[in-house]
């Protein structure tokens, strides 16, 4: 099955076509949220460096492809 998937901003002011986006899930990094967001926005850190940094803070970083989440959703509703 081929789907058209759009990501729409909360304010409905912009949208993007979902192609191969990755969702980053951070655990136990509440004190470092602003620093993480800044590094990602400025594109100053690779995924491996970010993962290592998060681990040094005692947190965890997981990545999931958005298409995988969508496929799992469809599998769950078809049961």
N, C-alpha and C. Protein backbone atom coordinates (compact mmCIF):
# COMPACT_ATOMS: atom_id res chain seq x y z
N UNK A 1 0.85 -1.17 0.00
CA UNK A 1 0.00 0.00 0.00
C UNK A 1 0.89 1.24 0.00
N UNK A 2 0.56 2.20 -0.82
CA UNK A 2 1.32 3.44 -0.88
C UNK A 2 0.43 4.57 -0.35
N UNK A 3 0.96 5.32 0.59
CA UNK A 3 0.21 6.39 1.23
C UNK A 3 0.88 7.73 0.98
N UNK A 4 0.07 8.76 0.97
CA UNK A 4 0.58 10.13 1.01
C UNK A 4 0.44 10.55 2.47
N UNK A 5 1.55 10.89 3.10
CA UNK A 5 1.53 11.27 4.51
C UNK A 5 2.04 12.69 4.63
N UNK A 6 1.27 13.54 5.29
CA UNK A 6 1.65 14.93 5.50
C UNK A 6 1.80 15.20 6.98
N UNK A 7 2.79 15.97 7.32
CA UNK A 7 2.99 16.43 8.68
C UNK A 7 2.52 17.88 8.72
N UNK A 8 1.55 18.17 9.58
CA UNK A 8 0.95 19.50 9.63
C UNK A 8 1.26 20.14 10.97
N UNK A 9 1.68 21.40 10.94
CA UNK A 9 2.00 22.11 12.18
C UNK A 9 0.74 22.28 13.03
N UNK A 10 0.95 22.47 14.32
CA UNK A 10 -0.15 22.62 15.26
C UNK A 10 -1.06 23.78 14.88
N UNK A 11 -0.47 24.83 14.34
CA UNK A 11 -1.23 26.02 13.97
C UNK A 11 -1.81 25.92 12.57
N UNK A 12 -1.61 24.78 11.89
CA UNK A 12 -2.07 24.57 10.52
C UNK A 12 -1.50 25.61 9.55
N UNK A 13 -0.31 26.11 9.85
CA UNK A 13 0.29 27.13 9.01
C UNK A 13 1.29 26.55 8.02
N UNK A 14 1.75 25.35 8.26
CA UNK A 14 2.71 24.75 7.33
C UNK A 14 2.56 23.23 7.35
N UNK A 15 3.03 22.62 6.27
CA UNK A 15 3.01 21.16 6.22
C UNK A 15 4.20 20.68 5.42
N UNK A 16 4.56 19.45 5.66
CA UNK A 16 5.64 18.79 4.94
C UNK A 16 5.16 17.43 4.49
N UNK A 17 5.66 16.99 3.36
CA UNK A 17 5.39 15.63 2.91
C UNK A 17 6.35 14.71 3.64
N UNK A 18 5.82 13.69 4.27
CA UNK A 18 6.65 12.74 5.01
C UNK A 18 7.27 11.77 4.02
N UNK A 19 8.58 11.70 4.03
CA UNK A 19 9.28 10.79 3.12
C UNK A 19 10.02 9.75 3.93
N UNK A 20 11.11 10.15 4.55
CA UNK A 20 11.90 9.18 5.30
C UNK A 20 12.35 9.78 6.63
N UNK A 21 11.42 10.47 7.28
CA UNK A 21 11.74 11.15 8.52
C UNK A 21 12.00 10.18 9.65
N UNK A 22 12.84 10.60 10.55
CA UNK A 22 13.18 9.83 11.72
C UNK A 22 12.70 10.57 12.96
N UNK A 23 12.10 9.84 13.87
CA UNK A 23 11.65 10.39 15.14
C UNK A 23 12.73 10.05 16.17
N UNK A 24 13.21 11.05 16.89
CA UNK A 24 14.18 10.82 17.96
C UNK A 24 13.44 10.84 19.29
N UNK A 25 13.66 9.80 20.09
CA UNK A 25 13.01 9.69 21.39
C UNK A 25 14.09 9.74 22.46
N UNK A 26 14.01 10.75 23.30
CA UNK A 26 14.99 10.94 24.37
C UNK A 26 14.35 10.53 25.69
N UNK A 27 15.11 9.79 26.50
CA UNK A 27 14.64 9.39 27.82
C UNK A 27 15.60 9.95 28.88
N UNK A 28 15.02 10.45 29.96
CA UNK A 28 15.78 10.92 31.12
C UNK A 28 16.77 12.05 30.80
N UNK A 29 16.34 13.02 30.03
CA UNK A 29 17.22 14.16 29.69
C UNK A 29 16.52 15.50 29.92
N UNK A 30 15.55 15.53 30.81
CA UNK A 30 14.75 16.73 31.04
C UNK A 30 15.61 17.97 31.28
N UNK A 31 16.66 17.84 32.03
CA UNK A 31 17.51 18.99 32.36
C UNK A 31 18.30 19.50 31.15
N UNK A 32 18.36 18.72 30.09
CA UNK A 32 19.19 19.07 28.93
C UNK A 32 18.37 19.35 27.67
N UNK A 33 17.05 19.49 27.79
CA UNK A 33 16.19 19.65 26.61
C UNK A 33 16.61 20.82 25.73
N UNK A 34 16.81 21.98 26.32
CA UNK A 34 17.16 23.17 25.53
C UNK A 34 18.49 22.99 24.81
N UNK A 35 19.45 22.39 25.48
CA UNK A 35 20.76 22.16 24.88
C UNK A 35 20.64 21.19 23.69
N UNK A 36 19.85 20.13 23.85
CA UNK A 36 19.65 19.16 22.77
C UNK A 36 18.99 19.83 21.57
N UNK A 37 17.94 20.56 21.82
CA UNK A 37 17.22 21.24 20.73
C UNK A 37 18.14 22.21 20.01
N UNK A 38 18.93 22.96 20.74
CA UNK A 38 19.86 23.91 20.14
C UNK A 38 20.87 23.21 19.24
N UNK A 39 21.45 22.12 19.72
CA UNK A 39 22.45 21.39 18.93
C UNK A 39 21.84 20.84 17.65
N UNK A 40 20.62 20.34 17.74
CA UNK A 40 19.96 19.78 16.55
C UNK A 40 19.58 20.89 15.58
N UNK A 41 19.01 21.98 16.08
CA UNK A 41 18.61 23.10 15.21
C UNK A 41 19.80 23.67 14.46
N UNK A 42 20.94 23.74 15.12
CA UNK A 42 22.14 24.31 14.51
C UNK A 42 22.93 23.27 13.73
N UNK A 43 22.43 22.03 13.74
CA UNK A 43 23.05 20.93 13.00
C UNK A 43 24.54 20.80 13.35
N UNK A 44 24.83 20.85 14.65
CA UNK A 44 26.21 20.85 15.12
C UNK A 44 26.67 19.49 15.64
N UNK A 45 25.82 18.46 15.54
CA UNK A 45 26.18 17.19 16.15
C UNK A 45 25.62 16.04 15.32
N UNK A 46 26.40 14.99 15.18
CA UNK A 46 25.92 13.81 14.46
C UNK A 46 25.07 12.96 15.39
N UNK A 47 24.35 12.02 14.83
CA UNK A 47 23.52 11.14 15.65
C UNK A 47 24.38 10.37 16.65
N UNK A 48 25.50 9.82 16.19
CA UNK A 48 26.35 9.03 17.08
C UNK A 48 26.93 9.87 18.22
N UNK A 49 27.31 11.11 17.90
CA UNK A 49 27.81 12.01 18.95
C UNK A 49 26.71 12.35 19.94
N UNK A 50 25.51 12.59 19.42
CA UNK A 50 24.37 12.92 20.28
C UNK A 50 24.02 11.74 21.17
N UNK A 51 24.03 10.55 20.61
CA UNK A 51 23.73 9.35 21.40
C UNK A 51 24.75 9.18 22.53
N UNK A 52 26.02 9.39 22.22
CA UNK A 52 27.07 9.27 23.22
C UNK A 52 26.90 10.32 24.32
N UNK A 53 26.58 11.54 23.93
CA UNK A 53 26.38 12.62 24.89
C UNK A 53 25.20 12.32 25.81
N UNK A 54 24.09 11.88 25.23
CA UNK A 54 22.90 11.56 26.01
C UNK A 54 23.21 10.44 27.01
N UNK A 55 23.95 9.43 26.57
CA UNK A 55 24.34 8.34 27.47
C UNK A 55 25.20 8.86 28.61
N UNK A 56 26.10 9.82 28.31
CA UNK A 56 26.96 10.38 29.36
C UNK A 56 26.15 11.14 30.40
N UNK A 57 24.97 11.62 30.03
CA UNK A 57 24.08 12.31 30.95
C UNK A 57 23.19 11.34 31.72
N UNK A 58 23.30 10.05 31.41
CA UNK A 58 22.47 9.05 32.06
C UNK A 58 21.14 8.82 31.37
N UNK A 59 21.01 9.32 30.14
CA UNK A 59 19.77 9.15 29.39
C UNK A 59 19.91 8.13 28.29
N UNK A 60 18.86 8.02 27.49
CA UNK A 60 18.84 7.11 26.35
C UNK A 60 18.30 7.85 25.14
N UNK A 61 18.77 7.44 23.97
CA UNK A 61 18.29 7.99 22.71
C UNK A 61 17.91 6.84 21.80
N UNK A 62 16.70 6.90 21.28
CA UNK A 62 16.23 5.90 20.34
C UNK A 62 15.74 6.62 19.09
N UNK A 63 15.90 5.97 17.94
CA UNK A 63 15.39 6.54 16.71
C UNK A 63 14.45 5.55 16.04
N UNK A 64 13.37 6.09 15.47
CA UNK A 64 12.37 5.27 14.81
C UNK A 64 11.97 5.98 13.52
N UNK A 65 11.92 5.24 12.43
CA UNK A 65 11.46 5.82 11.17
C UNK A 65 9.95 6.03 11.24
N UNK A 66 9.49 7.20 10.81
CA UNK A 66 8.07 7.52 10.86
C UNK A 66 7.27 6.53 10.00
N UNK A 67 7.82 6.10 8.88
CA UNK A 67 7.10 5.14 8.03
C UNK A 67 6.86 3.83 8.78
N UNK A 68 7.81 3.42 9.63
CA UNK A 68 7.63 2.20 10.40
C UNK A 68 6.47 2.35 11.38
N UNK A 69 6.37 3.51 12.01
CA UNK A 69 5.27 3.78 12.94
C UNK A 69 3.94 3.70 12.20
N UNK A 70 3.89 4.27 11.02
CA UNK A 70 2.66 4.25 10.22
C UNK A 70 2.31 2.83 9.81
N UNK A 71 3.30 2.06 9.37
CA UNK A 71 3.05 0.67 9.00
C UNK A 71 2.54 -0.15 10.18
N UNK A 72 3.13 0.06 11.36
CA UNK A 72 2.68 -0.65 12.56
C UNK A 72 1.25 -0.25 12.92
N UNK A 73 0.93 1.01 12.72
CA UNK A 73 -0.43 1.49 12.97
C UNK A 73 -1.42 0.74 12.08
N UNK A 74 -1.12 0.66 10.79
CA UNK A 74 -2.00 -0.04 9.87
C UNK A 74 -2.13 -1.52 10.22
N UNK A 75 -1.05 -2.15 10.64
CA UNK A 75 -1.11 -3.56 11.05
C UNK A 75 -2.02 -3.73 12.25
N UNK A 76 -1.95 -2.78 13.20
CA UNK A 76 -2.75 -2.89 14.42
C UNK A 76 -4.25 -2.69 14.16
N UNK A 77 -4.62 -1.86 13.21
CA UNK A 77 -6.05 -1.64 12.96
C UNK A 77 -6.65 -2.70 12.04
N UNK A 78 -5.79 -3.45 11.35
CA UNK A 78 -6.28 -4.50 10.46
C UNK A 78 -6.59 -5.79 11.21
N UNK A 79 -6.14 -5.89 12.45
CA UNK A 79 -6.36 -7.13 13.23
C UNK A 79 -7.77 -7.28 13.69
